[in-house]
PDB file of N, CA and C in Angstrom:
ATOM      1  N   UNK A   1      -5.982 -10.931   5.853  1.00  0.00           N
ATOM      2  CA  UNK A   1      -5.036 -10.061   5.655  1.00  0.00           C
ATOM      3  C   UNK A   1      -4.514  -9.406   4.442  1.00  0.00           C
ATOM      4  N   UNK A   2      -4.085  -8.141   4.516  1.00  0.00           N
ATOM      5  CA  UNK A   2      -3.927  -7.530   3.270  1.00  0.00           C
ATOM      6  C   UNK A   2      -2.997  -8.044   2.358  1.00  0.00           C
ATOM      7  N   UNK A   3      -1.823  -8.348   3.114  1.00  0.00           N
ATOM      8  CA  UNK A   3      -0.607  -9.274   1.976  1.00  0.00           C
ATOM      9  C   UNK A   3      -0.963 -10.363   1.384  1.00  0.00           C
ATOM     10  N   UNK A   4      -2.138 -10.898   1.626  1.00  0.00           N
ATOM     11  CA  UNK A   4      -2.678 -12.052   1.058  1.00  0.00           C
ATOM     12  C   UNK A   4      -3.614 -11.819  -0.153  1.00  0.00           C
ATOM     13  N   UNK A   5      -3.973 -10.664  -0.318  1.00  0.00           N
ATOM     14  CA  UNK A   5      -4.846  -9.927  -1.497  1.00  0.00           C
ATOM     15  C   UNK A   5      -4.151  -9.845  -2.530  1.00  0.00           C
ATOM     16  N   UNK A   6      -4.673  -9.451  -3.817  1.00  0.00           N
ATOM     17  CA  UNK A   6      -4.096  -9.288  -4.932  1.00  0.00           C
ATOM     18  C   UNK A   6      -4.786  -7.708  -5.384  1.00  0.00           C
ATOM     19  N   UNK A   7      -3.886  -7.159  -6.014  1.00  0.00           N
ATOM     20  CA  UNK A   7      -4.656  -5.747  -6.631  1.00  0.00           C
ATOM     21  C   UNK A   7      -5.316  -5.851  -7.587  1.00  0.00           C
ATOM     22  N   UNK A   8      -6.620  -5.209  -7.877  1.00  0.00           N
ATOM     23  CA  UNK A   8      -7.727  -5.343  -8.851  1.00  0.00           C
ATOM     24  C   UNK A   8      -7.322  -4.054  -9.736  1.00  0.00           C
ATOM     25  N   UNK A   9      -7.730  -4.189 -11.032  1.00  0.00           N
ATOM     26  CA  UNK A   9      -7.693  -3.287 -11.802  1.00  0.00           C
ATOM     27  C   UNK A   9      -8.781  -2.199 -11.711  1.00  0.00           C
ATOM     28  N   UNK A  10      -8.050  -0.860 -11.449  1.00  0.00           N
ATOM     29  CA  UNK A  10      -9.079   0.315 -11.152  1.00  0.00           C
ATOM     30  C   UNK A  10     -10.022   0.344 -12.448  1.00  0.00           C
ATOM     31  N   UNK A  11     -11.248   0.430 -12.328  1.00  0.00           N
ATOM     32  CA  UNK A  11     -12.326   0.646 -13.260  1.00  0.00           C
ATOM     33  C   UNK A  11     -12.331   2.011 -13.766  1.00  0.00           C
ATOM     34  N   UNK A  12     -12.677   2.448 -14.509  1.00  0.00           N
ATOM     35  CA  UNK A  12     -12.996   3.791 -15.031  1.00  0.00           C
ATOM     36  C   UNK A  12     -13.761   4.581 -14.069  1.00  0.00           C
ATOM     37  N   UNK A  13     -14.836   3.719 -13.425  1.00  0.00           N
ATOM     38  CA  UNK A  13     -15.650   4.544 -12.181  1.00  0.00           C
ATOM     39  C   UNK A  13     -15.117   4.503 -10.823  1.00  0.00           C
ATOM     40  N   UNK A  14     -13.826   3.634 -10.810  1.00  0.00           N
ATOM     41  CA  UNK A  14     -13.274   3.762  -9.149  1.00  0.00           C
ATOM     42  C   UNK A  14     -13.246   5.028  -8.735  1.00  0.00           C
ATOM     43  N   UNK A  15     -13.387   4.919  -7.419  1.00  0.00           N
ATOM     44  CA  UNK A  15     -13.394   6.261  -6.767  1.00  0.00           C
ATOM     45  C   UNK A  15     -12.413   6.050  -5.264  1.00  0.00           C
ATOM     46  N   UNK A  16     -11.627   7.305  -4.979  1.00  0.00           N
ATOM     47  CA  UNK A  16     -10.616   6.966  -3.912  1.00  0.00           C
ATOM     48  C   UNK A  16     -11.572   6.901  -2.781  1.00  0.00           C
ATOM     49  N   UNK A  17     -10.504   6.199  -1.873  1.00  0.00           N
ATOM     50  CA  UNK A  17     -10.983   5.653  -0.361  1.00  0.00           C
ATOM     51  C   UNK A  17     -11.456   7.062   0.260  1.00  0.00           C
ATOM     52  N   UNK A  18     -12.662   7.197   1.188  1.00  0.00           N
ATOM     53  CA  UNK A  18     -12.678   8.019   2.158  1.00  0.00           C
ATOM     54  C   UNK A  18     -11.954   8.224   3.472  1.00  0.00           C
ATOM     55  N   UNK A  19     -11.604   9.200   4.009  1.00  0.00           N
ATOM     56  CA  UNK A  19     -10.874   9.477   5.340  1.00  0.00           C
ATOM     57  C   UNK A  19     -11.176   8.321   6.398  1.00  0.00           C
ATOM     58  N   UNK A  20     -12.312   7.946   6.451  1.00  0.00           N
ATOM     59  CA  UNK A  20     -12.485   6.810   7.507  1.00  0.00           C
ATOM     60  C   UNK A  20     -12.059   5.440   7.001  1.00  0.00           C
ATOM     61  N   UNK A  21     -12.113   5.231   5.676  1.00  0.00           N
ATOM     62  CA  UNK A  21     -11.743   3.966   5.109  1.00  0.00           C
ATOM     63  C   UNK A  21     -10.096   3.617   5.209  1.00  0.00           C
ATOM     64  N   UNK A  22      -9.696   4.902   4.688  1.00  0.00           N
ATOM     65  CA  UNK A  22      -8.124   4.837   4.736  1.00  0.00           C
ATOM     66  C   UNK A  22      -7.673   4.642   6.174  1.00  0.00           C
ATOM     67  N   UNK A  23      -8.224   5.397   7.459  1.00  0.00           N
ATOM     68  CA  UNK A  23      -7.752   5.301   8.489  1.00  0.00           C
ATOM     69  C   UNK A  23      -7.987   3.820   8.978  1.00  0.00           C
ATOM     70  N   UNK A  24      -9.172   2.878   8.878  1.00  0.00           N
ATOM     71  CA  UNK A  24      -9.394   1.866   9.252  1.00  0.00           C
ATOM     72  C   UNK A  24      -8.272   0.565   8.541  1.00  0.00           C
ATOM     73  N   UNK A  25      -7.995   1.124   7.120  1.00  0.00           N
ATOM     74  CA  UNK A  25      -7.001   0.173   6.578  1.00  0.00           C
ATOM     75  C   UNK A  25      -5.416   0.417   6.877  1.00  0.00           C
ATOM     76  N   UNK A  26      -5.287   1.766   7.642  1.00  0.00           N
ATOM     77  CA  UNK A  26      -3.864   1.987   7.992  1.00  0.00           C
ATOM     78  C   UNK A  26      -3.538   1.307   9.198  1.00  0.00           C
ATOM     79  N   UNK A  27      -4.645   1.010  10.137  1.00  0.00           N
ATOM     80  CA  UNK A  27      -4.461   0.138  11.246  1.00  0.00           C
ATOM     81  C   UNK A  27      -3.966  -1.221  11.056  1.00  0.00           C
ATOM     82  N   UNK A  28      -4.075  -1.882   9.847  1.00  0.00           N
ATOM     83  CA  UNK A  28      -3.563  -3.370   9.470  1.00  0.00           C
ATOM     84  C   UNK A  28      -2.243  -3.121   8.920  1.00  0.00           C
ATOM     85  N   UNK A  29      -1.773  -1.972   8.883  1.00  0.00           N
ATOM     86  CA  UNK A  29      -0.286  -1.866   8.332  1.00  0.00           C
ATOM     87  C   UNK A  29       0.633  -1.251   9.684  1.00  0.00           C
ATOM     88  N   UNK A  30       2.049  -1.613   9.226  1.00  0.00           N
ATOM     89  CA  UNK A  30       2.942  -1.510  10.327  1.00  0.00           C
ATOM     90  C   UNK A  30       3.857  -0.289   9.989  1.00  0.00           C
ATOM     91  N   UNK A  31       3.656   0.694  10.591  1.00  0.00           N
ATOM     92  CA  UNK A  31       4.508   2.242  10.557  1.00  0.00           C
ATOM     93  C   UNK A  31       4.309   3.025   9.139  1.00  0.00           C
ATOM     94  N   UNK A  32       3.270   2.639   8.705  1.00  0.00           N
ATOM     95  CA  UNK A  32       3.218   3.428   7.449  1.00  0.00           C
ATOM     96  C   UNK A  32       2.366   4.687   7.700  1.00  0.00           C
ATOM     97  N   UNK A  33       2.562   5.667   7.208  1.00  0.00           N
ATOM     98  CA  UNK A  33       2.050   7.205   7.279  1.00  0.00           C
ATOM     99  C   UNK A  33       1.152   7.486   6.288  1.00  0.00           C
ATOM    100  N   UNK A  34       0.065   8.279   6.513  1.00  0.00           N
ATOM    101  CA  UNK A  34      -0.924   8.824   5.766  1.00  0.00           C
ATOM    102  C   UNK A  34      -0.282  10.388   5.500  1.00  0.00           C
ATOM    103  N   UNK A  35      -0.177  10.515   4.152  1.00  0.00           N
ATOM    104  CA  UNK A  35       0.317  11.935   4.218  1.00  0.00           C
ATOM    105  C   UNK A  35      -0.536  12.490   2.831  1.00  0.00           C
ATOM    106  N   UNK A  36      -0.353  13.803   2.589  1.00  0.00           N
ATOM    107  CA  UNK A  36      -0.950  14.468   1.443  1.00  0.00           C
ATOM    108  C   UNK A  36       0.221  15.237   0.580  1.00  0.00           C
ATOM    109  N   UNK A  37       0.280  15.058  -0.623  1.00  0.00           N
ATOM    110  CA  UNK A  37       0.869  16.040  -1.737  1.00  0.00           C
ATOM    111  C   UNK A  37       0.046  16.356  -2.896  1.00  0.00           C
ATOM    112  N   UNK A  38       0.386  17.843  -2.904  1.00  0.00           N
ATOM    113  CA  UNK A  38      -0.270  18.403  -3.882  1.00  0.00           C
ATOM    114  C   UNK A  38      -1.941  18.048  -3.889  1.00  0.00           C
ATOM    115  N   UNK A  39      -2.479  18.035  -2.556  1.00  0.00           N
ATOM    116  CA  UNK A  39      -3.898  17.421  -2.659  1.00  0.00           C
ATOM    117  C   UNK A  39      -4.461  15.942  -2.819  1.00  0.00           C
ATOM    118  N   UNK A  40      -3.309  15.262  -2.915  1.00  0.00           N
ATOM    119  CA  UNK A  40      -3.535  13.717  -3.434  1.00  0.00           C
ATOM    120  C   UNK A  40      -2.813  13.036  -1.865  1.00  0.00           C
ATOM    121  N   UNK A  41      -4.029  12.234  -1.217  1.00  0.00           N
ATOM    122  CA  UNK A  41      -3.577  11.228  -0.271  1.00  0.00           C
ATOM    123  C   UNK A  41      -2.543  10.290  -0.644  1.00  0.00           C
ATOM    124  N   UNK A  42      -1.832   9.935   0.069  1.00  0.00           N
ATOM    125  CA  UNK A  42      -0.505   8.996  -0.133  1.00  0.00           C
ATOM    126  C   UNK A  42      -0.045   8.274   0.906  1.00  0.00           C
ATOM    127  N   UNK A  43       0.196   6.874   0.765  1.00  0.00           N
ATOM    128  CA  UNK A  43       1.002   6.075   1.818  1.00  0.00           C
ATOM    129  C   UNK A  43       2.264   5.984   1.624  1.00  0.00           C
ATOM    130  N   UNK A  44       3.039   6.230   2.907  1.00  0.00           N
ATOM    131  CA  UNK A  44       4.542   6.083   2.419  1.00  0.00           C
ATOM    132  C   UNK A  44       5.109   5.497   3.757  1.00  0.00           C
ATOM    133  N   UNK A  45       6.314   5.121   3.595  1.00  0.00           N
ATOM    134  CA  UNK A  45       7.332   4.501   4.656  1.00  0.00           C
ATOM    135  C   UNK A  45       8.719   4.529   4.143  1.00  0.00           C
ATOM    136  N   UNK A  46       9.492   4.906   5.347  1.00  0.00           N
ATOM    137  CA  UNK A  46      10.968   4.912   4.939  1.00  0.00           C
ATOM    138  C   UNK A  46      11.552   3.405   5.761  1.00  0.00           C
ATOM    139  N   UNK A  47      12.299   2.621   4.731  1.00  0.00           N
ATOM    140  CA  UNK A  47      12.815   1.464   5.558  1.00  0.00           C
ATOM    141  C   UNK A  47      14.464   1.749   5.396  1.00  0.00           C
ATOM    142  N   UNK A  48      15.059   1.398   6.668  1.00  0.00           N
ATOM    143  CA  UNK A  48      16.495   1.876   6.769  1.00  0.00           C
ATOM    144  C   UNK A  48      17.113   0.445   6.794  1.00  0.00           C
ATOM    145  N   UNK A  49      18.313   0.408   6.068  1.00  0.00           N
ATOM    146  CA  UNK A  49      19.402  -0.553   5.953  1.00  0.00           C
ATOM    147  C   UNK A  49      20.554  -0.432   6.417  1.00  0.00           C
ATOM    148  N   UNK A  50      21.490  -1.203   6.687  1.00  0.00           N
ATOM    149  CA  UNK A  50      23.044  -1.069   6.924  1.00  0.00           C
ATOM    150  C   UNK A  50      23.758  -0.305   6.017  1.00  0.00           C
ATOM    151  N   UNK A  51      23.314  -0.384   4.635  1.00  0.00           N
ATOM    152  CA  UNK A  51      24.205   0.079   3.696  1.00  0.00           C
ATOM    153  C   UNK A  51      23.668   0.435   2.367  1.00  0.00           C
ATOM    154  N   UNK A  52      24.180   0.859   1.653  1.00  0.00           N
ATOM    155  CA  UNK A  52      23.558   1.065  -0.087  1.00  0.00           C
ATOM    156  C   UNK A  52      23.090  -0.118  -0.736  1.00  0.00           C
ATOM    157  N   UNK A  53      23.889  -1.108  -0.464  1.00  0.00           N
ATOM    158  CA  UNK A  53      23.565  -2.364  -1.317  1.00  0.00           C
ATOM    159  C   UNK A  53      22.484  -3.094  -0.800  1.00  0.00           C
ATOM    160  N   UNK A  54      22.323  -3.127   0.613  1.00  0.00           N
ATOM    161  CA  UNK A  54      20.939  -3.733   1.187  1.00  0.00           C
ATOM    162  C   UNK A  54      19.701  -3.005   0.769  1.00  0.00           C
ATOM    163  N   UNK A  55      19.962  -1.669   0.845  1.00  0.00           N
ATOM    164  CA  UNK A  55      18.837  -0.540   0.407  1.00  0.00           C
ATOM    165  C   UNK A  55      18.432  -1.007  -1.334  1.00  0.00           C
ATOM    166  N   UNK A  56      19.487  -0.953  -1.938  1.00  0.00           N
ATOM    167  CA  UNK A  56      19.355  -1.226  -3.462  1.00  0.00           C
ATOM    168  C   UNK A  56      18.581  -2.430  -3.756  1.00  0.00           C
ATOM    169  N   UNK A  57      18.945  -3.344  -2.831  1.00  0.00           N
ATOM    170  CA  UNK A  57      18.293  -5.005  -3.230  1.00  0.00           C
ATOM    171  C   UNK A  57      16.914  -5.047  -2.660  1.00  0.00           C
ATOM    172  N   UNK A  58      16.396  -4.169  -1.582  1.00  0.00           N
ATOM    173  CA  UNK A  58      15.033  -4.007  -1.226  1.00  0.00           C
ATOM    174  C   UNK A  58      14.240  -3.366  -2.226  1.00  0.00           C
ATOM    175  N   UNK A  59      15.193  -2.207  -2.851  1.00  0.00           N
ATOM    176  CA  UNK A  59      14.375  -1.429  -3.994  1.00  0.00           C
ATOM    177  C   UNK A  59      13.923  -2.138  -4.943  1.00  0.00           C
ATOM    178  N   UNK A  60      14.906  -3.025  -5.500  1.00  0.00           N
ATOM    179  CA  UNK A  60      14.507  -4.040  -6.766  1.00  0.00           C
ATOM    180  C   UNK A  60      13.546  -5.021  -6.294  1.00  0.00           C
ATOM    181  N   UNK A  61      13.485  -5.367  -5.107  1.00  0.00           N
ATOM    182  CA  UNK A  61      12.273  -6.413  -4.531  1.00  0.00           C
ATOM    183  C   UNK A  61      10.838  -5.835  -4.812  1.00  0.00           C
ATOM    184  N   UNK A  62      11.144  -4.422  -4.339  1.00  0.00           N
ATOM    185  CA  UNK A  62       9.745  -3.713  -4.299  1.00  0.00           C
ATOM    186  C   UNK A  62       9.588  -3.599  -6.022  1.00  0.00           C
ATOM    187  N   UNK A  63      10.340  -3.291  -6.693  1.00  0.00           N
ATOM    188  CA  UNK A  63      10.000  -3.211  -8.270  1.00  0.00           C
ATOM    189  C   UNK A  63       9.400  -4.505  -8.841  1.00  0.00           C
ATOM    190  N   UNK A  64      10.126  -5.451  -7.954  1.00  0.00           N
ATOM    191  CA  UNK A  64       9.588  -6.684  -9.118  1.00  0.00           C
ATOM    192  C   UNK A  64       8.043  -6.948  -8.401  1.00  0.00           C
ATOM    193  N   UNK A  65       7.686  -6.558  -6.779  1.00  0.00           N
ATOM    194  CA  UNK A  65       6.459  -6.647  -6.623  1.00  0.00           C
ATOM    195  C   UNK A  65       5.216  -5.737  -7.639  1.00  0.00           C
ATOM    196  N   UNK A  66       5.867  -4.583  -7.717  1.00  0.00           N
ATOM    197  CA  UNK A  66       5.200  -3.631  -8.566  1.00  0.00           C
ATOM    198  C   UNK A  66       4.852  -4.253  -9.950  1.00  0.00           C
ATOM    199  N   UNK A  67       5.682  -4.873 -10.178  1.00  0.00           N
ATOM    200  CA  UNK A  67       5.455  -5.540 -11.681  1.00  0.00           C
ATOM    201  C   UNK A  67       4.327  -6.640 -11.535  1.00  0.00           C
ATOM    202  N   UNK A  68       4.588  -7.409 -10.579  1.00  0.00           N
ATOM    203  CA  UNK A  68       3.649  -8.569 -10.453  1.00  0.00           C
ATOM    204  C   UNK A  68       2.227  -7.821 -10.245  1.00  0.00           C
ATOM    205  N   UNK A  69       2.253  -7.098  -9.670  1.00  0.00           N
ATOM    206  CA  UNK A  69       0.643  -6.479  -9.085  1.00  0.00           C
ATOM    207  C   UNK A  69       0.442  -5.496  -9.827  1.00  0.00           C
ATOM    208  N   UNK A  70       1.084  -5.177 -10.810  1.00  0.00           N
ATOM    209  CA  UNK A  70       1.004  -4.149 -11.847  1.00  0.00           C
ATOM    210  C   UNK A  70       0.211  -2.639 -11.130  1.00  0.00           C
ATOM    211  N   UNK A  71       1.093  -2.454 -10.366  1.00  0.00           N
ATOM    212  CA  UNK A  71       0.897  -1.313  -9.674  1.00  0.00           C
ATOM    213  C   UNK A  71       1.967  -0.623  -9.062  1.00  0.00           C
ATOM    214  N   UNK A  72       2.361   0.532  -9.413  1.00  0.00           N
ATOM    215  CA  UNK A  72       3.778   1.113  -9.250  1.00  0.00           C
ATOM    216  C   UNK A  72       3.942   2.384  -8.348  1.00  0.00           C
ATOM    217  N   UNK A  73       4.563   2.216  -7.122  1.00  0.00           N
ATOM    218  CA  UNK A  73       4.978   3.381  -6.332  1.00  0.00           C
ATOM    219  C   UNK A  73       6.262   4.326  -6.652  1.00  0.00           C
ATOM    220  N   UNK A  74       6.358   5.161  -6.184  1.00  0.00           N
ATOM    221  CA  UNK A  74       7.494   6.047  -6.121  1.00  0.00           C
ATOM    222  C   UNK A  74       8.302   5.414  -4.969  1.00  0.00           C
ATOM    223  N   UNK A  75       9.523   5.272  -5.552  1.00  0.00           N
ATOM    224  CA  UNK A  75      10.566   4.611  -4.997  1.00  0.00           C
ATOM    225  C   UNK A  75      11.742   5.407  -4.743  1.00  0.00           C
ATOM    226  N   UNK A  76      12.202   5.892  -3.559  1.00  0.00           N
ATOM    227  CA  UNK A  76      13.449   6.744  -3.395  1.00  0.00           C
ATOM    228  C   UNK A  76      14.498   6.043  -2.795  1.00  0.00           C
ATOM    229  N   UNK A  77      15.726   5.626  -3.604  1.00  0.00           N
ATOM    230  CA  UNK A  77      16.943   4.867  -2.994  1.00  0.00           C
ATOM    231  C   UNK A  77      17.947   5.929  -2.586  1.00  0.00           C
ATOM    232  N   UNK A  78      18.334   5.580  -1.400  1.00  0.00           N
ATOM    233  CA  UNK A  78      19.309   6.483  -0.874  1.00  0.00           C
ATOM    234  C   UNK A  78      20.303   5.748   0.066  1.00  0.00           C
ATOM    235  N   UNK A  79      21.527   6.023   0.365  1.00  0.00           N
ATOM    236  CA  UNK A  79      22.368   5.264   1.272  1.00  0.00           C
ATOM    237  C   UNK A  79      21.676   4.956   2.489  1.00  0.00           C
ATOM    238  N   UNK A  80      21.481   3.576   2.705  1.00  0.00           N
ATOM    239  CA  UNK A  80      20.858   3.086   3.953  1.00  0.00           C
ATOM    240  C   UNK A  80      19.537   3.355   4.111  1.00  0.00           C
ATOM    241  N   UNK A  81      18.654   3.754   3.072  1.00  0.00           N
ATOM    242  CA  UNK A  81      17.304   3.887   3.428  1.00  0.00           C
ATOM    243  C   UNK A  81      16.616   3.736   2.048  1.00  0.00           C
ATOM    244  N   UNK A  82      15.333   3.157   2.141  1.00  0.00           N
ATOM    245  CA  UNK A  82      14.421   3.344   0.834  1.00  0.00           C
ATOM    246  C   UNK A  82      12.951   3.964   1.232  1.00  0.00           C
ATOM    247  N   UNK A  83      12.361   4.919   0.700  1.00  0.00           N
ATOM    248  CA  UNK A  83      11.072   5.474   0.840  1.00  0.00           C
ATOM    249  C   UNK A  83      10.273   5.108  -0.185  1.00  0.00           C
ATOM    250  N   UNK A  84       9.047   4.296   0.173  1.00  0.00           N
ATOM    251  CA  UNK A  84       8.139   3.868  -0.803  1.00  0.00           C
ATOM    252  C   UNK A  84       7.064   4.595  -0.356  1.00  0.00           C
ATOM    253  N   UNK A  85       6.532   4.965  -1.847  1.00  0.00           N
ATOM    254  CA  UNK A  85       4.967   5.929  -1.635  1.00  0.00           C
ATOM    255  C   UNK A  85       4.032   5.250  -2.594  1.00  0.00           C
ATOM    256  N   UNK A  86       2.974   4.834  -2.048  1.00  0.00           N
ATOM    257  CA  UNK A  86       2.049   4.214  -3.047  1.00  0.00           C
ATOM    258  C   UNK A  86       0.709   5.363  -3.012  1.00  0.00           C
ATOM    259  N   UNK A  87      -0.050   5.468  -3.985  1.00  0.00           N
ATOM    260  CA  UNK A  87      -1.032   6.012  -4.391  1.00  0.00           C
ATOM    261  C   UNK A  87      -1.484   5.678  -5.602  1.00  0.00           C
ATOM    262  N   UNK A  88      -2.646   5.795  -5.773  1.00  0.00           N
ATOM    263  CA  UNK A  88      -3.514   5.497  -7.247  1.00  0.00           C
ATOM    264  C   UNK A  88      -3.321   6.688  -8.215  1.00  0.00           C
ATOM    265  N   UNK A  89      -2.588   6.676  -9.281  1.00  0.00           N
ATOM    266  CA  UNK A  89      -2.487   7.865  -9.921  1.00  0.00           C
ATOM    267  C   UNK A  89      -3.832   8.184 -10.607  1.00  0.00           C
ATOM    268  N   UNK A  90      -4.450   7.174 -11.342  1.00  0.00           N
ATOM    269  CA  UNK A  90      -6.155   7.189 -12.111  1.00  0.00           C
ATOM    270  C   UNK A  90      -6.799   7.732 -11.117  1.00  0.00           C
ATOM    271  N   UNK A  91      -7.069   7.807 -10.165  1.00  0.00           N
ATOM    272  CA  UNK A  91      -8.128   8.373  -9.171  1.00  0.00           C
ATOM    273  C   UNK A  91      -7.600   9.254  -8.097  1.00  0.00           C
ATOM    274  N   UNK A  92      -6.175   9.704  -8.422  1.00  0.00           N
ATOM    275  CA  UNK A  92      -5.699  10.896  -7.577  1.00  0.00           C
ATOM    276  C   UNK A  92      -5.940  10.483  -6.207  1.00  0.00           C
ATOM    277  N   UNK A  93      -5.670   9.785  -5.752  1.00  0.00           N
ATOM    278  CA  UNK A  93      -5.964   8.985  -4.135  1.00  0.00           C
ATOM    279  C   UNK A  93      -5.559   7.578  -3.950  1.00  0.00           C
ATOM    280  N   UNK A  94      -6.247   7.302  -2.906  1.00  0.00           N
ATOM    281  CA  UNK A  94      -5.779   5.616  -2.365  1.00  0.00           C
ATOM    282  C   UNK A  94      -6.673   4.847  -2.625  1.00  0.00           C
ATOM    283  N   UNK A  95      -6.423   3.754  -3.252  1.00  0.00           N
ATOM    284  CA  UNK A  95      -7.376   2.776  -3.367  1.00  0.00           C
ATOM    285  C   UNK A  95      -6.921   1.569  -2.261  1.00  0.00           C
ATOM    286  N   UNK A  96      -7.879   0.639  -2.460  1.00  0.00           N
ATOM    287  CA  UNK A  96      -7.557  -0.451  -1.492  1.00  0.00           C
ATOM    288  C   UNK A  96      -6.049  -1.334  -2.111  1.00  0.00           C
ATOM    289  N   UNK A  97      -5.752  -0.993  -3.082  1.00  0.00           N
ATOM    290  CA  UNK A  97      -4.534  -1.536  -4.255  1.00  0.00           C
ATOM    291  C   UNK A  97      -3.386  -1.108  -3.331  1.00  0.00           C
ATOM    292  N   UNK A  98      -3.502   0.256  -2.920  1.00  0.00           N
ATOM    293  CA  UNK A  98      -2.198   0.882  -2.198  1.00  0.00           C
ATOM    294  C   UNK A  98      -1.967   0.073  -0.884  1.00  0.00           C
ATOM    295  N   UNK A  99      -3.133  -0.055  -0.060  1.00  0.00           N
ATOM    296  CA  UNK A  99      -2.913  -0.742   1.088  1.00  0.00           C
ATOM    297  C   UNK A  99      -2.152  -2.098   0.906  1.00  0.00           C
ATOM    298  N   UNK A 100      -2.645  -2.935  -0.260  1.00  0.00           N
ATOM    299  CA  UNK A 100      -2.347  -4.218  -0.232  1.00  0.00           C
ATOM    300  C   UNK A 100      -0.608  -4.383  -0.720  1.00  0.00           C
ATOM    301  N   UNK A 101      -0.522  -3.317  -1.489  1.00  0.00           N
ATOM    302  CA  UNK A 101       0.875  -3.247  -1.871  1.00  0.00           C
ATOM    303  C   UNK A 101       1.897  -3.127  -0.843  1.00  0.00           C
ATOM    304  N   UNK A 102       1.486  -1.839   0.123  1.00  0.00           N
ATOM    305  CA  UNK A 102       2.141  -1.551   1.323  1.00  0.00           C
ATOM    306  C   UNK A 102       2.344  -2.672   2.183  1.00  0.00           C
ATOM    307  N   UNK A 103       1.252  -3.514   2.427  1.00  0.00           N
ATOM    308  CA  UNK A 103       1.705  -5.037   3.331  1.00  0.00           C
ATOM    309  C   UNK A 103       2.312  -5.869   2.688  1.00  0.00           C
ATOM    310  N   UNK A 104       2.527  -5.915   1.441  1.00  0.00           N
ATOM    311  CA  UNK A 104       3.373  -6.813   0.822  1.00  0.00           C
ATOM    312  C   UNK A 104       4.726  -6.385   0.888  1.00  0.00           C
ATOM    313  N   UNK A 105       4.864  -4.832   0.851  1.00  0.00           N
ATOM    314  CA  UNK A 105       6.410  -4.499   1.048  1.00  0.00           C
ATOM    315  C   UNK A 105       6.959  -4.911   2.103  1.00  0.00           C
ATOM    316  N   UNK A 106       6.107  -5.072   3.226  1.00  0.00           N
ATOM    317  CA  UNK A 106       6.684  -5.138   4.690  1.00  0.00           C
ATOM    318  C   UNK A 106       6.951  -6.777   4.628  1.00  0.00           C
ATOM    319  N   UNK A 107       6.559  -7.422   3.632  1.00  0.00           N
ATOM    320  CA  UNK A 107       6.915  -9.002   3.566  1.00  0.00           C
ATOM    321  C   UNK A 107       8.263  -9.110   2.992  1.00  0.00           C
ATOM    322  N   UNK A 108       8.530  -8.078   2.292  1.00  0.00           N
ATOM    323  CA  UNK A 108      10.117  -8.204   1.483  1.00  0.00           C
ATOM    324  C   UNK A 108      11.362  -7.862   2.271  1.00  0.00           C
ATOM    325  N   UNK A 109      11.090  -7.368   3.862  1.00  0.00           N
ATOM    326  CA  UNK A 109      12.237  -7.338   4.450  1.00  0.00           C
ATOM    327  C   UNK A 109      12.750  -8.435   4.996  1.00  0.00           C
TER     328      UNK A 109
END
């Protein structure tokens, strides 16, 4: 299971996952979306909450996870929702680390 793995540091010669690898890993996640921004594949999910305070608490948990894994997402905090977007900046694409962290985010709810 992805949520039991740890992120690995991307080496200088790391490559982004191909479309088929991304598709297969996506099947292991719940309600995450594959999208592309500025030509960069990304993983994104919107989490909904009853109020701002609960959303804020979840965003803080995601931030703590990011520090533990030393892999950092984009986090958009709004009233009643948090949008989390993962991608690997150094390779301008998706790595297994992104899928690991996405699975771990789901465990935080």
